Structure formats: C-alpha cells, structure tokens
C-alpha cells in the first residue's frame, strides 16, 4: 500500500469490520468478525487495523456505529443492539492507539457523507440517504454539510408515525420504520397473509420464519402476493420521501439495502407516491434512486468519516 491511507471501523450489533482505503473512496483491505463486548471489540479492531495497514500509519480514523452516540464527545451511548456498550470512549481509545485524528459518527450519517462525497462526487449540495435496512434511518447533508442536531438525533425519520396502526418500528405502531424497513416488510406480509389471499409461496413459511428477505426473494421470483406487498411498502416509502422533500427540499434521496435488492419494484411506487404527496416543484427538483455507491456504502461510510477527520486535522 502507498499514498494517503484511511482507517475505518464499522461497529454493528452482530459483526464489526475494519476497512483500509484511500482518500478517493477506494476500499483496499477489509476484515470482519463477530462483535463482542466493548473492550474486546475495540481491541480487536485496533489490532486488525494495524495488521491491515502492514506497518504504514493512517492519516485518520473514522468509526461508524448505530446510535445513540455523541459525535462531539466521542462516546457510544448504550445502543439497543450493543448491550453493555455504556458511555464507551471509543474515539479516545482509537486515537490513543494510532495518534491520528479520529471521529465517531452515526452509521446512517456516515453513509450519507460517503454517498455525497464519493457516490455523487460532491456535485449536489443537498442529499438524503435512507438506510432501508433492518431499521429505517436517515443521514442528511444540506449545503454540503452533515446535519447532526443537538444530540446526534437529526434524521430519525423512522420514528415518525404514518398510520394510526400498523407494524411496530421505533416503539411506534404504524411508524415509518415499521412500514418501510426490511423487518417491516416481513411484518406487513404477516398481516397481509392473515387476510384472504390467492396462492403464494409465502404460505410455506411459519409465521416466525417469514422475514423481509424471504418476501423480497419471493417478489423477485414473481410471486404475485409478494410483489403486491413490496409495492405497498414502496408507497409508504414514497410517503416518507414526500415528507423529507417538503421539509428539506433536497436534490437527491438515495436509498439503501432493500432498495438495492428490489430495484424498480420498490422504487417506482415510491416515486409515484412521492409525486402525489410532495409539493410539485420540490418533487421535480429531487431524484429518488438507489444509492450510487451500492452495497459498498457500508464500508465506505467509516472511511468517509476518516476523510472528514483528516480534513479537520
């Protein structure tokens, strides 16, 4: 390896990853492992980082993690998917190990920065990234700057209630997360299967085995009911986009995980619902599409935060 190297740590509820890349957003080396407690996990991240750097020093380190967290204080603050990670001073731990600028960011925010910087080449000033993963979070870049809010809680669109009743997400029935996330896709399917319906491969699944991935796979295979369920989720996703369009007037909404897999089957009904619901001029100014970085966005998210830390010095 040579040139300016960036080191990224992606800390997740089930697995964590170390990524080494360059300042142009190219991931050059990667290794992942099962997430454990904070000391063991951070210690292994640091050790693997040193191994992957092969003796070279990084210009900066970036850490991507689900919230709640404090980007200002560099603390992970007891995320629900990381039990025991209570006020973990992860930035200080990593900075002490490498002696370079280090920053921590919410994973959705980090992905939004990566999409803005490397996916879209910094050519748009106002970009929103919707995770469309197990949950539904958003990262917001306005005027070329990441919007965090006072407590790193800006962009928590998943908490907004769309319907009085519906699948639960973010502790709310009928919330954006409950209706538009990967987990929500499975929950919507369970409700639909409890109603009269025609032949479907989804009936082969026990209730506790019916996941969003199973519904998506059936839809890709052409199962009529699964396609209907996916398209309905697309409508709810479009309603969510319309809220963001009306409030923030972005130029682009980039969609992650589920949208990457399901493509037009999900995105086209989302665009149509957004067209119906949003202010016409604001809708016309906004492109809704799959994230330009595709599946690489998760790895590049941490590197994008390292890039920002390097620029700040």
Protein backbone atom coordinates (compact mmCIF):
# COMPACT_ATOMS: atom_id res chain seq x y z
CA UNK A 1 0.00 0.00 0.00
CA UNK A 2 1.08 3.57 -0.55
CA UNK A 3 -0.31 7.08 -0.58
CA UNK A 4 -2.71 8.53 1.97
CA UNK A 5 -4.38 5.73 3.89
CA UNK A 6 -7.62 5.99 5.86
CA UNK A 7 -8.72 3.54 8.53
CA UNK A 8 -12.39 2.79 9.09
CA UNK A 9 -14.12 0.84 11.86
CA UNK A 10 -17.73 -0.25 11.37
CA UNK A 11 -19.26 -1.41 14.68
CA UNK A 12 -22.50 -3.36 14.31
CA UNK A 13 -24.76 -5.35 16.58
CA UNK A 14 -23.72 -8.73 15.19
CA UNK A 15 -20.47 -8.05 13.37
CA UNK A 16 -17.80 -5.39 13.16
CA UNK A 17 -15.39 -4.64 10.34
CA UNK A 18 -12.06 -2.96 9.73
CA UNK A 19 -11.56 -1.24 6.38
CA UNK A 20 -8.42 0.35 4.96
CA UNK A 21 -8.86 2.67 1.99
CA UNK A 22 -7.60 5.77 0.26
CA UNK A 23 -8.78 9.37 0.09
CA UNK A 24 -10.60 8.70 -3.19
CA UNK A 25 -13.02 6.25 -1.58
CA UNK A 26 -11.38 3.01 -2.67
CA UNK A 27 -11.54 0.23 -0.07
CA UNK A 28 -8.27 -1.70 -0.32
CA UNK A 29 -8.45 -4.20 2.53
CA UNK A 30 -11.20 -5.45 4.82
CA UNK A 31 -11.77 -7.93 7.62
CA UNK A 32 -14.79 -8.58 9.84
CA UNK A 33 -15.54 -10.54 12.99
CA UNK A 34 -18.36 -11.12 15.48
CA UNK A 35 -18.98 -8.15 17.77
CA UNK A 36 -18.40 -8.82 21.47
CA UNK A 37 -18.06 -6.50 24.47
CA UNK A 38 -16.58 -3.03 24.07
CA UNK A 39 -13.04 -3.68 25.28
CA UNK A 40 -12.64 -6.91 23.34
CA UNK A 41 -14.19 -5.48 20.17
CA UNK A 42 -12.29 -2.21 20.14
CA UNK A 43 -9.07 -4.04 20.99
CA UNK A 44 -9.56 -6.38 18.05
CA UNK A 45 -10.45 -3.52 15.71
CA UNK A 46 -7.20 -1.80 16.63
CA UNK A 47 -5.15 -4.99 16.23
CA UNK A 48 -6.70 -5.83 12.86
CA UNK A 49 -6.24 -2.24 11.75
CA UNK A 50 -2.54 -2.46 12.43
CA UNK A 51 -2.34 -5.78 10.58
CA UNK A 52 -4.18 -4.48 7.51
CA UNK A 53 -2.07 -1.31 7.40
CA UNK A 54 1.06 -3.54 7.14
CA UNK A 55 3.26 -1.16 9.06
CA UNK A 56 2.02 2.07 7.49
CA UNK A 57 0.29 4.76 9.51
CA UNK A 58 -3.20 6.04 8.64
CA UNK A 59 -3.83 9.73 8.05
CA UNK A 60 -7.03 9.48 10.12
CA UNK A 61 -9.54 7.02 11.58
CA UNK A 62 -13.33 7.01 11.23
CA UNK A 63 -15.78 4.99 13.32
CA UNK A 64 -19.33 4.22 12.19
CA UNK A 65 -21.82 2.87 14.75
CA UNK A 66 -25.54 2.79 15.41
CA UNK A 67 -26.82 5.37 17.89
CA UNK A 68 -27.36 6.72 20.36
CA UNK A 69 -23.90 8.21 20.49
CA UNK A 70 -22.16 11.54 20.95
CA UNK A 71 -20.06 12.53 17.98
CA UNK A 72 -18.94 15.60 19.90
CA UNK A 73 -17.62 13.65 22.91
CA UNK A 74 -16.65 10.52 21.01
CA UNK A 75 -18.85 8.25 23.13
CA UNK A 76 -21.05 5.26 22.26
CA UNK A 77 -24.13 5.63 24.48
CA UNK A 78 -25.82 2.25 25.04
CA UNK A 79 -27.24 1.44 21.58
CA UNK A 80 -30.08 -1.13 21.83
CA UNK A 81 -28.19 -3.54 19.57
CA UNK A 82 -24.98 -3.24 21.63
CA UNK A 83 -25.86 -4.23 25.22
CA UNK A 84 -23.14 -3.28 27.67
CA UNK A 85 -21.69 -0.53 25.48
CA UNK A 86 -22.38 2.21 28.03
CA UNK A 87 -20.54 5.50 27.52
CA UNK A 88 -17.68 3.79 25.69
CA UNK A 89 -14.95 6.39 24.90
CA UNK A 90 -14.20 4.77 21.57
CA UNK A 91 -12.64 7.83 19.93
CA UNK A 92 -10.13 8.26 22.75
CA UNK A 93 -9.28 4.55 22.66
CA UNK A 94 -8.59 4.60 18.93
CA UNK A 95 -6.82 7.96 18.98
CA UNK A 96 -4.50 6.72 21.74
CA UNK A 97 -3.67 3.66 19.63
CA UNK A 98 -2.88 5.42 16.36
CA UNK A 99 -2.14 9.02 17.31
CA UNK A 100 -4.11 10.49 14.40
CA UNK A 101 -7.36 12.48 14.03
CA UNK A 102 -10.29 10.18 14.86
CA UNK A 103 -14.05 10.74 14.64
CA UNK A 104 -17.24 8.84 15.51
CA UNK A 105 -20.47 9.11 13.54
CA UNK A 106 -23.94 7.57 13.48
CA UNK A 107 -23.95 4.88 10.77
CA UNK A 108 -26.72 6.50 8.70
CA UNK A 109 -24.94 9.86 8.86
CA UNK A 110 -21.65 8.26 7.88
CA UNK A 111 -23.26 6.54 4.90
CA UNK A 112 -24.84 9.84 3.81
CA UNK A 113 -21.42 11.51 3.84
CA UNK A 114 -19.93 8.65 1.80
CA UNK A 115 -22.76 8.81 -0.73
CA UNK A 116 -22.42 12.60 -1.03
CA UNK A 117 -18.63 12.60 -1.27
CA UNK A 118 -17.83 9.53 -3.35
CA UNK A 119 -21.12 8.24 -4.73
CA UNK A 120 -22.24 11.61 -6.06
CA UNK A 121 -18.84 13.28 -6.28
CA UNK A 122 -19.79 16.27 -4.09
CA UNK A 123 -21.75 17.59 -7.08
CA UNK A 124 -25.02 18.02 -5.14
CA UNK A 125 -25.39 20.23 -2.09
CA UNK A 126 -28.50 18.62 -0.56
CA UNK A 127 -28.61 14.84 -0.25
CA UNK A 128 -30.55 12.46 1.99
CA UNK A 129 -29.63 8.81 2.48
CA UNK A 130 -32.32 6.38 3.72
CA UNK A 131 -30.86 3.15 5.08
CA UNK A 132 -33.83 0.90 4.11
CA UNK A 133 -32.19 -1.84 6.18
CA UNK A 134 -33.34 -3.82 9.22
CA UNK A 135 -34.47 -0.43 10.55
CA UNK A 136 -35.05 2.88 8.81
CA UNK A 137 -32.70 5.76 9.49
CA UNK A 138 -31.64 8.80 7.52
CA UNK A 139 -28.48 10.79 7.04
CA UNK A 140 -28.89 14.36 5.85
CA UNK A 141 -26.37 16.53 4.02
CA UNK A 142 -27.56 20.10 3.42
CA UNK A 143 -25.45 22.78 1.80
CA UNK A 144 -22.61 20.24 1.66
CA UNK A 145 -22.61 19.81 5.45
CA UNK A 146 -23.82 16.90 7.56
CA UNK A 147 -26.81 17.75 9.77
CA UNK A 148 -26.47 16.11 13.20
CA UNK A 149 -28.74 18.07 15.51
CA UNK A 150 -28.09 18.89 19.16
CA UNK A 151 -27.98 15.24 20.30
CA UNK A 152 -26.97 13.48 17.05
CA UNK A 153 -30.66 12.68 16.50
CA UNK A 154 -31.33 14.62 13.30
CA UNK A 155 -32.79 12.45 10.57
CA UNK A 156 -34.62 9.91 12.74
CA UNK A 157 -37.46 9.71 10.24
CA UNK A 158 -38.17 6.13 11.31
CA UNK A 159 -39.80 7.49 14.47
CA UNK A 160 -42.46 9.43 12.55
CA UNK A 161 -45.92 7.84 12.59
CA UNK A 162 -47.54 7.39 9.18
CA UNK A 163 -50.63 5.38 10.21
CA UNK A 164 -52.66 5.03 13.39
CA UNK A 165 -51.99 1.30 13.34
CA UNK A 166 -49.50 -0.98 11.64
CA UNK A 167 -46.24 -2.83 12.21
CA UNK A 168 -44.21 -1.54 15.13
CA UNK A 169 -40.91 0.18 14.49
CA UNK A 170 -39.04 2.56 16.76
CA UNK A 171 -41.54 1.59 19.52
CA UNK A 172 -44.45 3.02 17.49
CA UNK A 173 -47.21 1.18 15.67
CA UNK A 174 -47.62 2.48 12.12
CA UNK A 175 -44.25 4.27 12.14
CA UNK A 176 -42.05 4.88 9.13
CA UNK A 177 -39.63 2.24 10.40
CA UNK A 178 -42.44 -0.26 10.94
CA UNK A 179 -43.74 0.25 7.42
CA UNK A 180 -40.61 0.82 5.31
CA UNK A 181 -37.76 -1.18 6.85
CA UNK A 182 -36.58 -4.67 5.95
CA UNK A 183 -38.03 -6.01 9.18
CA UNK A 184 -41.24 -4.11 8.44
CA UNK A 185 -41.56 -5.85 5.08
CA UNK A 186 -41.87 -9.17 6.86
CA UNK A 187 -44.35 -7.76 9.38
CA UNK A 188 -46.55 -6.28 6.64
CA UNK A 189 -46.52 -9.66 4.91
CA UNK A 190 -47.71 -11.43 8.07
CA UNK A 191 -50.66 -9.04 8.32
CA UNK A 192 -51.49 -9.50 4.64
CA UNK A 193 -51.39 -13.30 4.91
CA UNK A 194 -53.92 -13.13 7.75
CA UNK A 195 -56.39 -11.73 5.19
CA UNK A 196 -58.00 -13.57 2.26
CA UNK A 197 -55.42 -14.11 -0.50
CA UNK A 198 -54.62 -16.21 -3.53
CA UNK A 199 -51.92 -18.87 -3.94
CA UNK A 200 -48.50 -17.70 -2.75
CA UNK A 201 -45.15 -19.23 -1.88
CA UNK A 202 -45.24 -17.17 1.31
CA UNK A 203 -47.71 -19.64 2.82
CA UNK A 204 -44.85 -22.11 3.02
CA UNK A 205 -43.26 -20.14 5.84
CA UNK A 206 -44.12 -20.45 9.50
CA UNK A 207 -45.08 -17.09 10.98
CA UNK A 208 -41.81 -16.74 12.90
CA UNK A 209 -39.80 -17.61 9.76
CA UNK A 210 -41.33 -15.03 7.44
CA UNK A 211 -38.72 -12.30 7.08
CA UNK A 212 -38.38 -9.29 4.84
CA UNK A 213 -35.63 -11.10 2.91
CA UNK A 214 -37.99 -14.03 2.27
CA UNK A 215 -40.70 -11.67 1.00
CA UNK A 216 -38.21 -9.85 -1.22
CA UNK A 217 -36.86 -13.10 -2.66
CA UNK A 218 -40.40 -14.31 -3.43
CA UNK A 219 -41.19 -11.00 -5.12
CA UNK A 220 -38.06 -11.22 -7.27
CA UNK A 221 -39.19 -14.72 -8.26
CA UNK A 222 -42.52 -13.25 -9.42
CA UNK A 223 -44.82 -14.33 -6.58
CA UNK A 224 -47.89 -12.11 -7.10
CA UNK A 225 -48.72 -11.52 -3.44
CA UNK A 226 -45.10 -10.81 -2.56
CA UNK A 227 -44.92 -8.27 -5.40
CA UNK A 228 -48.11 -6.64 -4.09
CA UNK A 229 -46.60 -6.39 -0.59
CA UNK A 230 -43.33 -4.92 -1.90
CA UNK A 231 -45.15 -2.35 -3.99
CA UNK A 232 -47.27 -1.36 -0.98
CA UNK A 233 -44.11 -0.84 1.03
CA UNK A 234 -42.87 1.29 -1.87
CA UNK A 235 -45.91 3.54 -1.43
CA UNK A 236 -45.15 4.01 2.25
CA UNK A 237 -41.53 4.73 1.37
CA UNK A 238 -42.71 7.35 -1.12
CA UNK A 239 -44.88 8.99 1.53
CA UNK A 240 -41.77 9.16 3.72
CA UNK A 241 -39.77 10.70 0.89
CA UNK A 242 -42.52 13.28 0.37
CA UNK A 243 -42.23 14.39 4.00
CA UNK A 244 -38.49 14.85 3.58
CA UNK A 245 -38.93 16.60 0.23
CA UNK A 246 -41.49 19.06 1.59
CA UNK A 247 -39.43 19.89 4.67
CA UNK A 248 -35.87 19.87 3.30
CA UNK A 249 -36.22 20.37 -0.49
CA UNK A 250 -33.28 18.03 -1.30
CA UNK A 251 -31.81 17.39 -4.71
CA UNK A 252 -31.44 13.66 -4.12
CA UNK A 253 -32.78 10.89 -1.89
CA UNK A 254 -30.54 7.83 -2.10
CA UNK A 255 -31.98 4.51 -0.96
CA UNK A 256 -30.01 1.71 0.69
CA UNK A 257 -30.21 -2.00 1.36
CA UNK A 258 -33.75 -3.17 0.47
CA UNK A 259 -33.97 -0.79 -2.48
CA UNK A 260 -30.66 -2.11 -3.80
CA UNK A 261 -32.08 -5.65 -3.88
CA UNK A 262 -35.62 -4.93 -5.08
CA UNK A 263 -34.91 -2.11 -7.52
CA UNK A 264 -37.77 -0.72 -9.61
CA UNK A 265 -40.34 -2.97 -7.95
CA UNK A 266 -39.93 -0.88 -4.78
CA UNK A 267 -38.59 2.40 -6.16
CA UNK A 268 -41.19 3.07 -8.88
CA UNK A 269 -44.19 3.01 -6.48
CA UNK A 270 -42.11 5.10 -4.08
CA UNK A 271 -41.57 7.74 -6.76
CA UNK A 272 -45.26 7.74 -7.69
CA UNK A 273 -46.37 8.14 -4.07
CA UNK A 274 -43.84 10.92 -3.54
CA UNK A 275 -45.11 12.63 -6.70
CA UNK A 276 -48.69 12.53 -5.36
CA UNK A 277 -47.80 13.72 -1.86
CA UNK A 278 -44.99 16.24 -2.23
CA UNK A 279 -45.07 19.82 -3.44
CA UNK A 280 -44.76 19.53 -7.24
CA UNK A 281 -41.81 21.89 -7.66
CA UNK A 282 -39.91 20.28 -4.79
CA UNK A 283 -40.59 16.78 -6.14
CA UNK A 284 -39.39 17.71 -9.63
CA UNK A 285 -36.15 19.03 -8.15
CA UNK A 286 -35.42 15.75 -6.35
CA UNK A 287 -34.13 12.45 -7.73
CA UNK A 288 -35.16 9.32 -5.83
CA UNK A 289 -32.98 6.32 -6.64
CA UNK A 290 -30.74 3.57 -5.32
CA UNK A 291 -27.60 4.75 -3.57
CA UNK A 292 -24.91 5.40 -6.16
CA UNK A 293 -22.38 3.54 -4.01
CA UNK A 294 -24.48 0.38 -3.99
CA UNK A 295 -23.52 -2.28 -1.48
CA UNK A 296 -20.11 -0.66 -0.92
CA UNK A 297 -21.70 2.15 1.07
CA UNK A 298 -21.40 0.44 4.47
CA UNK A 299 -17.64 0.01 4.20
CA UNK A 300 -17.08 3.44 2.70
CA UNK A 301 -19.17 5.09 5.42
CA UNK A 302 -16.45 4.71 8.05
CA UNK A 303 -13.79 5.79 5.56
CA UNK A 304 -15.79 8.93 4.74
CA UNK A 305 -15.74 9.89 8.43
CA UNK A 306 -12.00 9.26 8.49
CA UNK A 307 -11.68 11.56 5.46
CA UNK A 308 -13.59 14.31 7.29
CA UNK A 309 -11.40 13.85 10.38
CA UNK A 310 -8.30 14.14 8.19
CA UNK A 311 -9.56 17.36 6.63
CA UNK A 312 -10.30 18.88 10.05
CA UNK A 313 -6.87 17.79 11.30
